[in-house]
Amino acid sequence: MEDLANKTLYKIMWANKEEIIWNMRDEKSVPLDNILYKYLEKFIDYRIWQKEFHKEYLKWLAGENENIYDVNFSLNSQIIDILPKLNEKLNSQNIYVFYWFDIDRSVDENFNWEFCPMTNELLTNLNIKNNNSLICKKCYLTFPKQ
C-alpha cells in the first residue's frame, strides 16, 4: 500500500448511530447521503449489518457473549472481507476505508495494540487521532493507540 499521508481515510465503525462511516482524521461521521455508502452497498447491506451488530452489542451488555470483540466473529469478518474490494474501487479517488476494531476496554483499559490480530504483523502508526492511529495495511484494520 502506498503512503497514506495525503489520502482521505475513513473507517467503518458501529457506534449506535445510523452512520457507520467515519473520517479517521477528524472523527466526524459521514452523512448517509455520501457516495461512500453507495460504494459500500455494492458489497454488503450495511443496514442489516448495523442492526445485527446492535443486537450483538446488547448481548454483550447483558453479559451473554463477547462476540463483538472477536476479530473472527462473522459480523466483523463480513466487513473485513469486503474491504480489499471496496478499497480497490475507491483507490482512484485517493480514498481508503478501514474497519475499526478494539478489545473490551472494561477488561483491560491499558491494553496497547502492537500487532494485527489477523496477520500478526507489526501495526503502522499513522500519527493521527489516537482512536485511529494504528493500522494494518494488509487487512485494512485500524486500532486505537493507548
N, C-alpha and C. Protein backbone atom coordinates (compact mmCIF):
# COMPACT_ATOMS: atom_id res chain seq x y z
N MET A 1 0.85 -1.18 0.00
CA MET A 1 0.00 0.00 0.00
C MET A 1 0.89 1.24 0.00
N GLU A 2 0.46 2.21 -0.72
CA GLU A 2 1.22 3.45 -0.83
C GLU A 2 1.15 4.28 0.45
N ASP A 3 1.92 5.35 0.48
CA ASP A 3 1.92 6.27 1.61
C ASP A 3 0.52 6.86 1.77
N LEU A 4 0.04 6.93 2.99
CA LEU A 4 -1.33 7.38 3.25
C LEU A 4 -1.42 8.84 3.70
N ALA A 5 -0.29 9.53 3.76
CA ALA A 5 -0.26 10.89 4.31
C ALA A 5 -1.23 11.84 3.61
N ASN A 6 -1.35 11.72 2.31
CA ASN A 6 -2.20 12.65 1.56
C ASN A 6 -3.49 12.00 1.07
N LYS A 7 -3.85 10.90 1.69
CA LYS A 7 -5.07 10.19 1.30
C LYS A 7 -6.21 10.54 2.27
N THR A 8 -7.41 10.38 1.79
CA THR A 8 -8.57 10.54 2.66
C THR A 8 -8.85 9.19 3.29
N LEU A 9 -8.88 9.16 4.61
CA LEU A 9 -9.02 7.91 5.34
C LEU A 9 -10.34 7.88 6.10
N TYR A 10 -11.05 6.77 5.91
CA TYR A 10 -12.31 6.55 6.61
C TYR A 10 -12.24 5.23 7.34
N LYS A 11 -13.15 5.08 8.27
CA LYS A 11 -13.28 3.80 8.97
C LYS A 11 -14.75 3.45 9.06
N ILE A 12 -15.00 2.16 9.08
CA ILE A 12 -16.33 1.64 9.36
C ILE A 12 -16.33 1.27 10.83
N MET A 13 -17.33 1.76 11.53
CA MET A 13 -17.41 1.51 12.97
C MET A 13 -18.86 1.65 13.41
N TRP A 14 -19.34 0.65 14.12
CA TRP A 14 -20.67 0.74 14.68
C TRP A 14 -20.59 1.59 15.95
N ALA A 15 -21.49 2.57 16.07
CA ALA A 15 -21.47 3.45 17.23
C ALA A 15 -22.88 3.84 17.67
N ASN A 16 -23.84 2.93 17.46
CA ASN A 16 -25.23 3.15 17.87
C ASN A 16 -25.81 4.41 17.22
N LYS A 17 -25.44 4.62 15.97
CA LYS A 17 -25.96 5.71 15.15
C LYS A 17 -26.32 5.13 13.79
N GLU A 18 -27.05 5.89 12.99
CA GLU A 18 -27.33 5.43 11.63
C GLU A 18 -26.06 5.38 10.80
N GLU A 19 -25.19 6.34 10.99
CA GLU A 19 -23.94 6.40 10.23
C GLU A 19 -22.95 5.37 10.79
N ILE A 20 -22.28 4.69 9.88
CA ILE A 20 -21.26 3.73 10.30
C ILE A 20 -19.90 4.05 9.67
N ILE A 21 -19.84 5.10 8.85
CA ILE A 21 -18.57 5.51 8.25
C ILE A 21 -18.14 6.82 8.90
N TRP A 22 -16.86 6.86 9.25
CA TRP A 22 -16.31 7.99 9.99
C TRP A 22 -15.00 8.44 9.35
N ASN A 23 -14.76 9.73 9.36
CA ASN A 23 -13.49 10.26 8.91
C ASN A 23 -12.45 9.97 10.00
N MET A 24 -11.36 9.34 9.63
CA MET A 24 -10.37 8.94 10.63
C MET A 24 -9.57 10.12 11.17
N ARG A 25 -9.47 11.20 10.43
CA ARG A 25 -8.66 12.33 10.88
C ARG A 25 -9.40 13.26 11.83
N ASP A 26 -10.70 13.43 11.62
CA ASP A 26 -11.44 14.37 12.49
C ASP A 26 -12.53 13.71 13.33
N GLU A 27 -12.71 12.38 13.18
CA GLU A 27 -13.68 11.62 13.98
C GLU A 27 -15.14 12.02 13.72
N LYS A 28 -15.41 12.67 12.60
CA LYS A 28 -16.78 13.05 12.28
C LYS A 28 -17.43 11.95 11.45
N SER A 29 -18.70 11.69 11.75
CA SER A 29 -19.42 10.68 10.97
C SER A 29 -19.72 11.23 9.57
N VAL A 30 -19.76 10.33 8.63
CA VAL A 30 -20.05 10.67 7.24
C VAL A 30 -21.56 10.56 7.05
N PRO A 31 -22.20 11.60 6.54
CA PRO A 31 -23.66 11.57 6.35
C PRO A 31 -24.09 10.42 5.42
N LEU A 32 -25.27 9.90 5.67
CA LEU A 32 -25.79 8.76 4.92
C LEU A 32 -25.95 9.03 3.43
N ASP A 33 -26.04 10.29 3.03
CA ASP A 33 -26.18 10.59 1.60
C ASP A 33 -24.83 10.67 0.89
N ASN A 34 -23.74 10.43 1.59
CA ASN A 34 -22.42 10.44 0.98
C ASN A 34 -22.26 9.24 0.05
N ILE A 35 -21.56 9.43 -1.04
CA ILE A 35 -21.35 8.39 -2.05
C ILE A 35 -20.66 7.15 -1.48
N LEU A 36 -19.94 7.28 -0.38
CA LEU A 36 -19.26 6.13 0.22
C LEU A 36 -20.25 5.02 0.59
N TYR A 37 -21.43 5.40 1.03
CA TYR A 37 -22.43 4.40 1.38
C TYR A 37 -22.92 3.65 0.13
N LYS A 38 -22.97 4.34 -0.99
CA LYS A 38 -23.35 3.67 -2.25
C LYS A 38 -22.30 2.64 -2.64
N TYR A 39 -21.03 3.01 -2.48
CA TYR A 39 -19.96 2.04 -2.75
C TYR A 39 -20.06 0.86 -1.81
N LEU A 40 -20.27 1.14 -0.54
CA LEU A 40 -20.36 0.08 0.46
C LEU A 40 -21.53 -0.86 0.16
N GLU A 41 -22.65 -0.32 -0.26
CA GLU A 41 -23.83 -1.12 -0.59
C GLU A 41 -23.60 -2.13 -1.71
N LYS A 42 -22.59 -1.90 -2.52
CA LYS A 42 -22.29 -2.84 -3.60
C LYS A 42 -21.72 -4.15 -3.06
N PHE A 43 -21.25 -4.11 -1.81
CA PHE A 43 -20.60 -5.27 -1.23
C PHE A 43 -21.32 -5.86 -0.02
N ILE A 44 -22.12 -5.04 0.66
CA ILE A 44 -22.81 -5.52 1.86
C ILE A 44 -24.03 -4.65 2.13
N ASP A 45 -25.08 -5.27 2.67
CA ASP A 45 -26.23 -4.49 3.11
C ASP A 45 -25.88 -3.97 4.51
N TYR A 46 -25.31 -2.79 4.54
CA TYR A 46 -24.80 -2.26 5.81
C TYR A 46 -25.90 -1.98 6.82
N ARG A 47 -27.12 -1.78 6.37
CA ARG A 47 -28.22 -1.54 7.33
C ARG A 47 -28.53 -2.83 8.12
N ILE A 48 -28.51 -3.96 7.42
CA ILE A 48 -28.71 -5.24 8.12
C ILE A 48 -27.53 -5.50 9.04
N TRP A 49 -26.31 -5.26 8.54
CA TRP A 49 -25.12 -5.45 9.37
C TRP A 49 -25.21 -4.61 10.64
N GLN A 50 -25.61 -3.38 10.48
CA GLN A 50 -25.73 -2.45 11.61
C GLN A 50 -26.73 -2.96 12.65
N LYS A 51 -27.88 -3.45 12.20
CA LYS A 51 -28.89 -3.98 13.12
C LYS A 51 -28.39 -5.22 13.84
N GLU A 52 -27.72 -6.11 13.11
CA GLU A 52 -27.17 -7.32 13.71
C GLU A 52 -26.07 -6.99 14.73
N PHE A 53 -25.24 -6.02 14.40
CA PHE A 53 -24.18 -5.63 15.32
C PHE A 53 -24.81 -5.06 16.60
N HIS A 54 -25.86 -4.27 16.44
CA HIS A 54 -26.54 -3.71 17.61
C HIS A 54 -27.09 -4.82 18.51
N LYS A 55 -27.66 -5.85 17.91
CA LYS A 55 -28.16 -6.99 18.69
C LYS A 55 -27.03 -7.65 19.47
N GLU A 56 -25.89 -7.84 18.82
CA GLU A 56 -24.73 -8.45 19.49
C GLU A 56 -24.19 -7.55 20.59
N TYR A 57 -24.23 -6.25 20.36
CA TYR A 57 -23.80 -5.30 21.39
C TYR A 57 -24.69 -5.42 22.63
N LEU A 58 -26.00 -5.52 22.42
CA LEU A 58 -26.92 -5.68 23.54
C LEU A 58 -26.67 -6.99 24.29
N LYS A 59 -26.31 -8.04 23.55
CA LYS A 59 -25.96 -9.31 24.20
C LYS A 59 -24.70 -9.15 25.05
N TRP A 60 -23.74 -8.39 24.54
CA TRP A 60 -22.52 -8.13 25.31
C TRP A 60 -22.87 -7.35 26.59
N LEU A 61 -23.71 -6.33 26.47
CA LEU A 61 -24.12 -5.54 27.64
C LEU A 61 -24.80 -6.42 28.68
N ALA A 62 -25.57 -7.40 28.22
CA ALA A 62 -26.29 -8.30 29.12
C ALA A 62 -25.38 -9.41 29.66
N GLY A 63 -24.13 -9.44 29.22
CA GLY A 63 -23.19 -10.46 29.69
C GLY A 63 -23.39 -11.82 29.04
N GLU A 64 -24.08 -11.85 27.91
CA GLU A 64 -24.38 -13.12 27.25
C GLU A 64 -23.23 -13.64 26.39
N ASN A 65 -22.49 -12.73 25.76
CA ASN A 65 -21.33 -13.14 24.96
C ASN A 65 -20.43 -11.94 24.71
N GLU A 66 -19.26 -12.22 24.14
CA GLU A 66 -18.30 -11.16 23.81
C GLU A 66 -17.93 -11.23 22.32
N ASN A 67 -18.84 -11.68 21.50
CA ASN A 67 -18.57 -11.88 20.07
C ASN A 67 -18.04 -10.64 19.37
N ILE A 68 -18.54 -9.46 19.74
CA ILE A 68 -18.13 -8.25 19.03
C ILE A 68 -16.64 -7.97 19.19
N TYR A 69 -16.01 -8.57 20.20
CA TYR A 69 -14.57 -8.37 20.43
C TYR A 69 -13.72 -9.49 19.86
N ASP A 70 -14.33 -10.33 19.07
CA ASP A 70 -13.60 -11.41 18.38
C ASP A 70 -13.45 -11.00 16.92
N VAL A 71 -12.21 -10.75 16.50
CA VAL A 71 -11.97 -10.27 15.15
C VAL A 71 -12.48 -11.26 14.10
N ASN A 72 -12.57 -12.53 14.47
CA ASN A 72 -13.05 -13.55 13.53
C ASN A 72 -14.56 -13.78 13.60
N PHE A 73 -15.26 -13.08 14.48
CA PHE A 73 -16.71 -13.20 14.56
C PHE A 73 -17.32 -12.78 13.23
N SER A 74 -18.38 -13.44 12.83
CA SER A 74 -18.96 -13.27 11.49
C SER A 74 -19.28 -11.81 11.14
N LEU A 75 -19.80 -11.03 12.07
CA LEU A 75 -20.13 -9.64 11.74
C LEU A 75 -18.87 -8.81 11.49
N ASN A 76 -17.81 -9.11 12.21
CA ASN A 76 -16.54 -8.43 11.94
C ASN A 76 -15.96 -8.90 10.62
N SER A 77 -16.00 -10.20 10.39
CA SER A 77 -15.46 -10.77 9.15
C SER A 77 -16.20 -10.26 7.92
N GLN A 78 -17.49 -10.05 8.04
CA GLN A 78 -18.25 -9.56 6.89
C GLN A 78 -17.67 -8.25 6.37
N ILE A 79 -17.32 -7.36 7.27
CA ILE A 79 -16.75 -6.08 6.86
C ILE A 79 -15.30 -6.26 6.41
N ILE A 80 -14.52 -6.97 7.20
CA ILE A 80 -13.10 -7.17 6.88
C ILE A 80 -12.94 -7.81 5.50
N ASP A 81 -13.79 -8.75 5.19
CA ASP A 81 -13.68 -9.47 3.92
C ASP A 81 -13.96 -8.61 2.69
N ILE A 82 -14.78 -7.59 2.83
CA ILE A 82 -15.11 -6.76 1.67
C ILE A 82 -14.15 -5.58 1.49
N LEU A 83 -13.35 -5.28 2.48
CA LEU A 83 -12.50 -4.09 2.40
C LEU A 83 -11.51 -4.07 1.23
N PRO A 84 -10.85 -5.17 0.90
CA PRO A 84 -9.96 -5.11 -0.26
C PRO A 84 -10.70 -4.71 -1.55
N LYS A 85 -11.89 -5.26 -1.75
CA LYS A 85 -12.67 -4.94 -2.96
C LYS A 85 -13.17 -3.50 -2.92
N LEU A 86 -13.64 -3.07 -1.76
CA LEU A 86 -14.12 -1.70 -1.61
C LEU A 86 -12.98 -0.71 -1.86
N ASN A 87 -11.84 -0.98 -1.27
CA ASN A 87 -10.70 -0.07 -1.44
C ASN A 87 -10.16 -0.07 -2.86
N GLU A 88 -10.28 -1.17 -3.54
CA GLU A 88 -9.87 -1.21 -4.94
C GLU A 88 -10.73 -0.26 -5.77
N LYS A 89 -12.02 -0.23 -5.47
CA LYS A 89 -12.94 0.67 -6.18
C LYS A 89 -12.65 2.14 -5.86
N LEU A 90 -12.21 2.41 -4.64
CA LEU A 90 -12.00 3.79 -4.19
C LEU A 90 -10.59 4.31 -4.43
N ASN A 91 -9.68 3.43 -4.79
CA ASN A 91 -8.28 3.79 -4.92
C ASN A 91 -8.04 4.96 -5.87
N SER A 92 -8.74 5.01 -6.96
CA SER A 92 -8.54 6.09 -7.94
C SER A 92 -8.95 7.45 -7.38
N GLN A 93 -9.71 7.45 -6.30
CA GLN A 93 -10.15 8.69 -5.67
C GLN A 93 -9.28 9.06 -4.46
N ASN A 94 -8.19 8.32 -4.27
CA ASN A 94 -7.29 8.55 -3.13
C ASN A 94 -7.99 8.40 -1.79
N ILE A 95 -8.89 7.43 -1.72
CA ILE A 95 -9.66 7.15 -0.51
C ILE A 95 -9.36 5.73 -0.07
N TYR A 96 -9.22 5.56 1.24
CA TYR A 96 -9.09 4.23 1.83
C TYR A 96 -10.08 4.11 2.98
N VAL A 97 -10.66 2.92 3.09
CA VAL A 97 -11.61 2.64 4.17
C VAL A 97 -11.06 1.48 4.99
N PHE A 98 -11.04 1.67 6.30
CA PHE A 98 -10.58 0.67 7.25
C PHE A 98 -11.75 0.24 8.13
N TYR A 99 -11.52 -0.78 8.90
CA TYR A 99 -12.52 -1.23 9.88
C TYR A 99 -11.92 -1.04 11.27
N TRP A 100 -12.63 -0.33 12.12
CA TRP A 100 -12.15 -0.06 13.46
C TRP A 100 -12.41 -1.27 14.35
N PHE A 101 -11.39 -1.66 15.10
CA PHE A 101 -11.53 -2.81 15.98
C PHE A 101 -10.77 -2.54 17.28
N ASP A 102 -11.29 -3.09 18.36
CA ASP A 102 -10.62 -2.97 19.65
C ASP A 102 -11.03 -4.13 20.54
N ILE A 103 -10.32 -4.24 21.65
CA ILE A 103 -10.67 -5.24 22.66
C ILE A 103 -11.72 -4.64 23.59
N ASP A 104 -12.20 -5.43 24.50
CA ASP A 104 -13.14 -4.96 25.52
C ASP A 104 -12.34 -4.17 26.55
N ARG A 105 -12.44 -2.86 26.53
CA ARG A 105 -11.67 -1.99 27.43
C ARG A 105 -12.12 -2.10 28.88
N SER A 106 -13.30 -2.67 29.12
CA SER A 106 -13.72 -2.88 30.51
C SER A 106 -12.92 -4.01 31.16
N VAL A 107 -12.31 -4.85 30.34
CA VAL A 107 -11.47 -5.94 30.83
C VAL A 107 -10.03 -5.48 31.02
N ASP A 108 -9.52 -4.69 30.07
CA ASP A 108 -8.14 -4.21 30.14
C ASP A 108 -8.07 -2.83 29.51
N GLU A 109 -8.24 -1.80 30.32
CA GLU A 109 -8.26 -0.43 29.79
C GLU A 109 -6.89 0.07 29.36
N ASN A 110 -5.83 -0.62 29.75
CA ASN A 110 -4.47 -0.19 29.41
C ASN A 110 -3.82 -1.01 28.30
N PHE A 111 -4.60 -1.83 27.63
CA PHE A 111 -4.06 -2.67 26.55
C PHE A 111 -3.50 -1.79 25.44
N ASN A 112 -2.34 -2.16 24.93
CA ASN A 112 -1.72 -1.45 23.81
C ASN A 112 -1.61 -2.39 22.62
N TRP A 113 -2.17 -1.97 21.51
CA TRP A 113 -2.04 -2.74 20.28
C TRP A 113 -0.64 -2.59 19.73
N GLU A 114 -0.04 -3.69 19.32
CA GLU A 114 1.25 -3.68 18.64
C GLU A 114 1.17 -4.47 17.34
N PHE A 115 0.43 -5.57 17.39
CA PHE A 115 0.37 -6.48 16.25
C PHE A 115 -1.08 -6.67 15.80
N CYS A 116 -1.26 -6.87 14.53
CA CYS A 116 -2.57 -7.13 13.98
C CYS A 116 -3.04 -8.50 14.44
N PRO A 117 -4.26 -8.61 14.96
CA PRO A 117 -4.76 -9.91 15.41
C PRO A 117 -5.05 -10.89 14.26
N MET A 118 -5.07 -10.41 13.04
CA MET A 118 -5.33 -11.28 11.90
C MET A 118 -4.04 -11.74 11.22
N THR A 119 -3.09 -10.83 11.09
CA THR A 119 -1.86 -11.16 10.34
C THR A 119 -0.65 -11.34 11.25
N ASN A 120 -0.77 -10.88 12.48
CA ASN A 120 0.32 -10.88 13.46
C ASN A 120 1.48 -9.97 13.04
N GLU A 121 1.23 -9.07 12.11
CA GLU A 121 2.24 -8.12 11.67
C GLU A 121 2.24 -6.89 12.56
N LEU A 122 3.40 -6.28 12.66
CA LEU A 122 3.54 -5.04 13.42
C LEU A 122 2.65 -3.97 12.79
N LEU A 123 1.90 -3.26 13.62
CA LEU A 123 0.99 -2.23 13.12
C LEU A 123 1.77 -0.97 12.72
N THR A 124 1.24 -0.24 11.78
CA THR A 124 1.81 1.02 11.32
C THR A 124 1.16 2.16 12.08
N ASN A 125 1.96 3.09 12.57
CA ASN A 125 1.43 4.24 13.29
C ASN A 125 1.28 5.40 12.31
N LEU A 126 0.04 5.85 12.14
CA LEU A 126 -0.24 6.97 11.24
C LEU A 126 -0.02 8.33 11.89
N ASN A 127 0.11 8.33 13.21
CA ASN A 127 0.28 9.58 13.95
C ASN A 127 -0.86 10.55 13.69
N ILE A 128 -2.08 10.02 13.73
CA ILE A 128 -3.27 10.86 13.64
C ILE A 128 -4.05 10.66 14.93
N LYS A 129 -5.33 10.89 14.93
CA LYS A 129 -6.15 10.73 16.13
C LYS A 129 -5.83 9.41 16.82
N ASN A 130 -5.65 9.45 18.14
CA ASN A 130 -5.30 8.25 18.89
C ASN A 130 -6.27 7.10 18.65
N ASN A 131 -7.53 7.41 18.43
CA ASN A 131 -8.53 6.37 18.24
C ASN A 131 -8.35 5.61 16.93
N ASN A 132 -7.57 6.16 16.01
CA ASN A 132 -7.40 5.58 14.67
C ASN A 132 -5.95 5.52 14.23
N SER A 133 -5.04 5.65 15.12
CA SER A 133 -3.64 5.86 14.74
C SER A 133 -2.94 4.62 14.22
N LEU A 134 -3.28 3.46 14.72
CA LEU A 134 -2.59 2.24 14.33
C LEU A 134 -3.39 1.48 13.27
N ILE A 135 -2.69 1.06 12.22
CA ILE A 135 -3.38 0.34 11.16
C ILE A 135 -2.60 -0.89 10.73
N CYS A 136 -3.35 -1.82 10.17
CA CYS A 136 -2.77 -2.94 9.44
C CYS A 136 -3.10 -2.68 7.98
N LYS A 137 -2.08 -2.42 7.20
CA LYS A 137 -2.28 -2.11 5.78
C LYS A 137 -2.75 -3.32 4.98
N LYS A 138 -2.41 -4.49 5.45
CA LYS A 138 -2.74 -5.71 4.70
C LYS A 138 -4.23 -6.03 4.75
N CYS A 139 -4.85 -5.86 5.91
CA CYS A 139 -6.27 -6.22 6.02
C CYS A 139 -7.17 -5.03 6.32
N TYR A 140 -6.63 -3.82 6.24
CA TYR A 140 -7.41 -2.59 6.39
C TYR A 140 -8.13 -2.50 7.74
N LEU A 141 -7.39 -2.79 8.79
CA LEU A 141 -7.91 -2.63 10.14
C LEU A 141 -7.27 -1.41 10.79
N THR A 142 -8.01 -0.72 11.63
CA THR A 142 -7.47 0.38 12.41
C THR A 142 -7.78 0.14 13.88
N PHE A 143 -6.84 0.54 14.72
CA PHE A 143 -6.92 0.28 16.16
C PHE A 143 -6.59 1.56 16.92
N PRO A 144 -7.11 1.66 18.14
CA PRO A 144 -6.76 2.82 18.96
C PRO A 144 -5.33 2.69 19.49
N LYS A 145 -4.72 3.82 19.69
CA LYS A 145 -3.39 3.87 20.30
C LYS A 145 -3.58 4.36 21.73
N GLN A 146 -3.20 3.55 22.69
CA GLN A 146 -3.35 3.94 24.09
C GLN A 146 -2.12 4.65 24.56
